[in-house]
Protein backbone atom coordinates (compact mmCIF):
# COMPACT_ATOMS: atom_id res chain seq x y z
CA MET A 1 0.91 -1.15 -18.53
CA SER A 2 3.58 -4.00 -17.64
CA ILE A 3 2.16 -3.55 -14.24
CA ASP A 4 -1.52 -3.59 -14.51
CA ARG A 5 -3.81 -5.41 -12.19
CA LYS A 6 -0.37 -6.52 -10.29
CA ILE A 7 -0.72 -6.33 -6.35
CA ALA A 8 1.86 -4.47 -4.88
CA LEU A 9 3.05 -3.90 -1.50
CA VAL A 10 5.25 -0.81 -0.57
CA THR A 11 6.83 -0.61 3.16
CA GLY A 12 7.17 3.15 4.50
CA ALA A 13 4.43 4.19 2.25
CA ALA A 14 3.17 7.26 4.64
CA GLN A 15 5.09 9.82 2.87
CA GLY A 16 8.33 10.54 1.01
CA ILE A 17 9.94 8.26 -1.07
CA GLY A 18 7.34 5.55 -0.04
CA ARG A 19 4.64 7.65 -0.82
CA GLY A 20 5.97 8.39 -4.31
CA ILE A 21 6.63 4.90 -5.48
CA ALA A 22 3.24 3.64 -4.22
CA LEU A 23 1.32 6.42 -6.15
CA ARG A 24 3.70 5.79 -9.25
CA LEU A 25 2.57 2.29 -9.27
CA ALA A 26 -0.95 2.69 -8.93
CA LYS A 27 -0.57 4.94 -11.98
CA ASP A 28 0.90 2.42 -13.58
CA GLY A 29 -2.07 0.00 -12.88
CA ALA A 30 -1.03 -2.05 -9.66
CA ASP A 31 -3.46 -2.31 -6.67
CA ILE A 32 -1.46 -0.98 -3.75
CA ALA A 33 -0.68 -2.52 -0.07
CA LEU A 34 0.47 0.53 1.95
CA VAL A 35 2.24 -0.38 5.20
CA ASP A 36 4.00 2.13 7.79
CA LEU A 37 3.70 3.20 11.34
CA LYS A 38 1.36 5.95 10.89
CA GLN A 39 -2.42 4.95 10.16
CA ASP A 40 -3.62 8.32 9.50
CA GLN A 41 -1.14 9.07 6.90
CA LEU A 42 -1.48 5.81 5.35
CA ASP A 43 -5.15 6.39 4.91
CA ALA A 44 -4.48 9.89 2.97
CA VAL A 45 -2.00 8.29 0.56
CA ALA A 46 -4.88 5.46 0.15
CA LYS A 47 -7.31 8.01 -0.72
CA GLU A 48 -4.87 9.41 -3.43
CA ILE A 49 -4.57 5.60 -4.97
CA THR A 50 -8.32 5.15 -5.13
CA ALA A 51 -8.84 8.53 -6.98
CA LEU A 52 -6.53 6.99 -9.62
CA GLY A 53 -9.21 4.24 -9.78
CA ARG A 54 -6.72 1.74 -8.31
CA LYS A 55 -7.33 -0.47 -5.23
CA ALA A 56 -5.45 0.37 -1.72
CA THR A 57 -5.28 -1.04 1.64
CA THR A 58 -3.44 -0.28 4.44
CA PHE A 59 -1.51 -2.43 7.30
CA VAL A 60 0.28 -0.20 10.32
CA ALA A 61 3.38 -2.51 10.92
CA ASP A 62 6.93 -1.76 12.07
CA VAL A 63 9.10 -3.81 9.40
CA SER A 64 12.17 -4.40 11.99
CA GLU A 65 9.55 -7.12 13.34
CA ARG A 66 9.59 -10.18 11.38
CA ALA A 67 6.05 -11.69 12.52
CA GLN A 68 4.58 -7.92 11.57
CA VAL A 69 6.21 -8.19 7.87
CA PHE A 70 4.99 -11.61 6.98
CA ALA A 71 1.69 -10.41 8.32
CA ALA A 72 1.74 -7.32 6.04
CA VAL A 73 2.18 -9.61 3.08
CA ASP A 74 -0.74 -12.06 4.12
CA HIS A 75 -2.96 -8.75 4.29
CA ALA A 76 -1.78 -7.36 0.97
CA GLU A 77 -2.74 -11.23 -0.44
CA LYS A 78 -5.88 -11.40 1.26
CA GLU A 79 -7.36 -7.66 0.83
CA LEU A 80 -6.21 -7.19 -2.75
CA GLY A 81 -6.59 -11.07 -4.07
CA GLY A 82 -2.84 -11.58 -4.76
CA PHE A 83 0.40 -10.54 -4.56
CA ASP A 84 3.27 -10.14 -7.29
CA ILE A 85 5.57 -6.95 -6.23
CA ILE A 86 7.18 -5.51 -2.99
CA VAL A 87 9.34 -2.65 -2.51
CA ASN A 88 11.26 -2.85 0.70
CA ASN A 89 11.24 0.59 1.13
CA ALA A 90 11.23 1.59 4.84
CA GLY A 91 14.48 3.03 6.58
CA ILE A 92 15.74 5.54 8.70
CA ALA A 93 18.72 7.87 8.74
CA GLN A 94 21.62 8.62 11.40
CA VAL A 95 24.08 11.31 11.32
CA LYS A 96 26.82 10.49 14.12
CA PRO A 97 30.58 10.59 14.12
CA LEU A 98 31.69 7.01 14.05
CA ASP A 99 33.35 7.93 17.49
CA ASP A 100 29.95 8.45 19.19
CA VAL A 101 28.23 5.48 17.74
CA THR A 102 26.08 3.56 20.42
CA ALA A 103 25.36 0.13 20.43
CA ASP A 104 22.00 1.14 20.51
CA ASP A 105 22.26 3.28 17.61
CA VAL A 106 23.78 0.21 15.71
CA GLU A 107 21.27 -1.87 16.54
CA ARG A 108 18.23 0.26 15.74
CA ILE A 109 19.38 1.23 12.23
CA TYR A 110 20.15 -2.27 11.31
CA ARG A 111 16.77 -3.67 12.98
CA ILE A 112 15.12 -1.42 10.50
CA ASN A 113 17.43 -0.84 7.29
CA VAL A 114 18.89 -4.17 7.29
CA ASN A 115 16.29 -6.69 9.26
CA GLY A 116 13.22 -5.19 7.68
CA VAL A 117 14.44 -5.92 4.35
CA LEU A 118 15.58 -8.96 4.95
CA TRP A 119 12.20 -9.77 6.31
CA GLY A 120 10.47 -8.52 3.38
CA ILE A 121 12.40 -10.63 1.18
CA GLN A 122 11.60 -13.76 3.09
CA ALA A 123 7.87 -12.83 3.34
CA ALA A 124 7.73 -12.15 -0.47
CA ALA A 125 9.69 -15.13 -1.59
CA LYS A 126 7.83 -17.41 0.47
CA LYS A 127 4.58 -15.80 -0.99
CA PHE A 128 5.29 -15.98 -4.35
CA ARG A 129 6.42 -19.61 -4.23
CA ALA A 130 3.03 -20.47 -2.60
CA ARG A 131 1.11 -19.11 -5.20
CA GLY A 132 3.47 -20.62 -7.80
CA HIS A 133 4.34 -17.86 -9.79
CA LYS A 134 6.92 -15.54 -10.60
CA GLY A 135 7.72 -12.41 -8.16
CA LYS A 136 9.45 -8.73 -8.09
CA ILE A 137 11.40 -8.14 -5.08
CA ILE A 138 12.80 -4.34 -4.97
CA ASN A 139 14.99 -2.96 -2.04
CA ALA A 140 15.76 0.77 -0.88
CA SER A 141 19.89 1.17 -0.94
CA SER A 142 21.17 4.49 -1.53
CA ILE A 143 24.41 6.18 -3.28
CA ALA A 144 25.44 5.56 0.31
CA GLY A 145 25.59 2.07 -0.46
CA HIS A 146 28.35 2.15 -3.07
CA ASP A 147 29.96 5.26 -1.22
CA GLY A 148 30.93 5.55 2.86
CA PHE A 149 30.06 9.11 3.70
CA ALA A 150 31.32 11.14 6.98
CA MET A 151 29.13 11.29 9.69
CA LEU A 152 27.04 8.69 7.87
CA GLY A 153 29.12 5.69 8.45
CA VAL A 154 26.72 3.44 10.10
CA TYR A 155 23.58 4.54 7.75
CA SER A 156 26.39 3.52 4.67
CA SER A 157 27.05 0.21 6.17
CA THR A 158 23.37 -0.43 6.40
CA LYS A 159 22.69 0.48 2.85
CA PHE A 160 25.98 -1.70 1.74
CA ALA A 161 24.41 -4.66 3.62
CA VAL A 162 21.24 -4.34 1.83
CA ARG A 163 23.17 -4.25 -1.80
CA ALA A 164 24.69 -7.63 -0.47
CA LEU A 165 21.36 -9.33 0.52
CA THR A 166 19.74 -8.13 -2.70
CA GLN A 167 22.47 -10.06 -4.31
CA ALA A 168 22.37 -13.15 -2.38
CA ALA A 169 18.30 -13.15 -2.77
CA ALA A 170 18.82 -12.62 -6.33
CA ARG A 171 21.18 -15.82 -6.77
CA GLU A 172 19.16 -17.79 -4.48
CA TYR A 173 15.74 -17.20 -5.95
CA ALA A 174 16.51 -17.31 -9.37
CA SER A 175 15.34 -20.78 -10.23
CA ALA A 176 12.04 -19.76 -8.89
CA GLY A 177 11.72 -17.26 -11.38
CA ILE A 178 11.87 -14.17 -8.59
CA THR A 179 14.04 -11.38 -9.35
CA VAL A 180 15.85 -9.16 -6.53
CA ASN A 181 17.00 -5.38 -7.53
CA ALA A 182 17.61 -2.55 -5.48
CA TYR A 183 17.54 1.20 -6.29
CA CYS A 184 20.09 3.85 -5.08
CA PRO A 185 18.57 7.56 -4.74
CA GLY A 186 20.72 10.17 -3.99
CA VAL A 187 19.65 13.57 -2.42
CA VAL A 188 16.04 13.73 -2.46
CA GLY A 189 14.07 16.37 -0.86
CA THR A 190 12.37 14.57 1.75
CA ASP A 191 11.62 14.73 5.56
CA MET A 192 14.52 12.46 5.83
CA TRP A 193 17.12 15.12 4.32
CA VAL A 194 15.77 17.75 6.39
CA GLU A 195 16.60 15.94 9.36
CA ILE A 196 20.16 15.22 8.20
CA ASP A 197 20.68 18.51 7.33
CA GLU A 198 19.55 19.80 10.53
CA ARG A 199 22.08 16.94 12.27
CA PHE A 200 24.96 18.11 10.11
CA ALA A 201 24.24 21.61 11.31
CA GLU A 202 24.34 20.65 14.91
CA LEU A 203 27.47 18.63 14.41
CA THR A 204 29.79 20.70 12.36
CA GLY A 205 28.30 24.41 13.12
CA ALA A 206 26.98 24.73 9.58
CA ALA A 207 23.79 27.08 9.14
CA LYS A 208 20.68 25.06 7.88
CA GLY A 209 20.35 24.41 4.47
CA GLU A 210 24.01 24.65 3.83
CA THR A 211 25.06 20.99 3.93
CA TYR A 212 21.62 20.42 1.73
CA LYS A 213 22.99 22.91 -0.95
CA LYS A 214 26.21 21.42 -0.72
CA PHE A 215 25.34 18.10 -1.61
CA VAL A 216 22.78 19.40 -4.40
CA ASP A 217 25.57 21.49 -5.87
CA GLY A 218 27.68 18.45 -6.41
CA ILE A 219 24.78 16.61 -8.59
CA ALA A 220 25.39 16.85 -12.64
CA LEU A 221 21.91 17.55 -13.61
CA GLY A 222 21.59 20.66 -11.35
CA ARG A 223 18.89 19.88 -9.39
CA ALA A 224 17.94 17.97 -6.14
CA GLU A 225 16.24 14.50 -6.78
CA THR A 226 12.38 14.02 -6.20
CA ALA A 227 10.33 11.28 -4.94
CA ASP A 228 8.86 11.12 -8.52
CA ASP A 229 12.58 10.52 -10.06
CA VAL A 230 13.29 7.45 -7.62
CA ALA A 231 9.44 6.06 -8.56
CA GLY A 232 9.68 5.92 -12.15
CA PHE A 233 13.12 3.96 -11.92
CA VAL A 234 11.12 1.35 -9.46
CA SER A 235 8.24 0.91 -11.60
CA TYR A 236 10.69 0.07 -14.37
CA LEU A 237 12.07 -2.73 -11.77
CA ALA A 238 8.58 -3.53 -10.70
CA GLY A 239 7.39 -4.50 -14.60
CA GLN A 240 8.24 -6.77 -17.68
CA ASP A 241 10.92 -4.94 -18.88
CA SER A 242 13.37 -5.77 -15.95
CA ASP A 243 12.65 -9.18 -16.04
CA TYR A 244 16.21 -10.53 -17.58
CA MET A 245 17.67 -8.07 -14.72
CA THR A 246 18.35 -9.42 -10.82
CA GLY A 247 20.97 -8.56 -8.28
CA GLN A 248 21.65 -5.18 -9.47
CA SER A 249 21.36 -2.17 -7.41
CA PRO A 250 21.82 0.95 -10.10
CA LEU A 251 22.61 4.44 -9.16
CA ILE A 252 19.44 7.09 -9.76
CA ASP A 253 21.07 10.40 -8.25
CA GLY A 254 21.30 12.74 -11.11
CA GLY A 255 25.21 12.12 -11.26
CA MET A 256 26.64 11.85 -7.89
CA VAL A 257 28.34 8.86 -7.76
CA TYR A 258 29.53 7.14 -10.78
CA ARG A 259 30.21 3.05 -10.89
């Protein structure tokens, strides 16, 4: 495997896409540092990883806090004996008409979705350079980072911002052999989409499940995305086959948004 014996850190790893990414990277040979706010769920994912024959360590951190992200990276290096890959996956959704968005709403989602990615980029780049080797930085964007969606306007803006950070970081760190890319999923059947669907139901009067079905019906490949669909692509970004790719934010959405 191209990531065999590599050390990877995944934020938002307690559930959903983050859990799927962590398990796929472990199956492909990496040891994993799991970062999230929920220790009990982190422990459960860690057990799944060790059952695959790989090492796992957990670290509770709020990615919106810079010092906590740097501490998580230090922990990964200390406990697993190295540091090669970071997946800045943690993020939240926000469904609200632009007219109703408050200053608190904007601050909260930007602190997690944008600041959290920036802190992860900084911490990983610093660690890679200190260790004197190349590294992979992989960020979570979205189809909403390519198209702005109604009722998801501020969320969309955070994912556009992740694409900008990805491009800038790719340019800044290329000379150090550090690649920076993002992945842009579509409609993934996780708890986040349950929350999005419920909020659309509250705001528009649609029946529960109707908004989710409407989005899924627009997918060319005819089904909702799974965490495994995303994880397979992230594993490619983490491995040597993507070594000549940097600054990119490809869509992996089953055929919803086309660029």
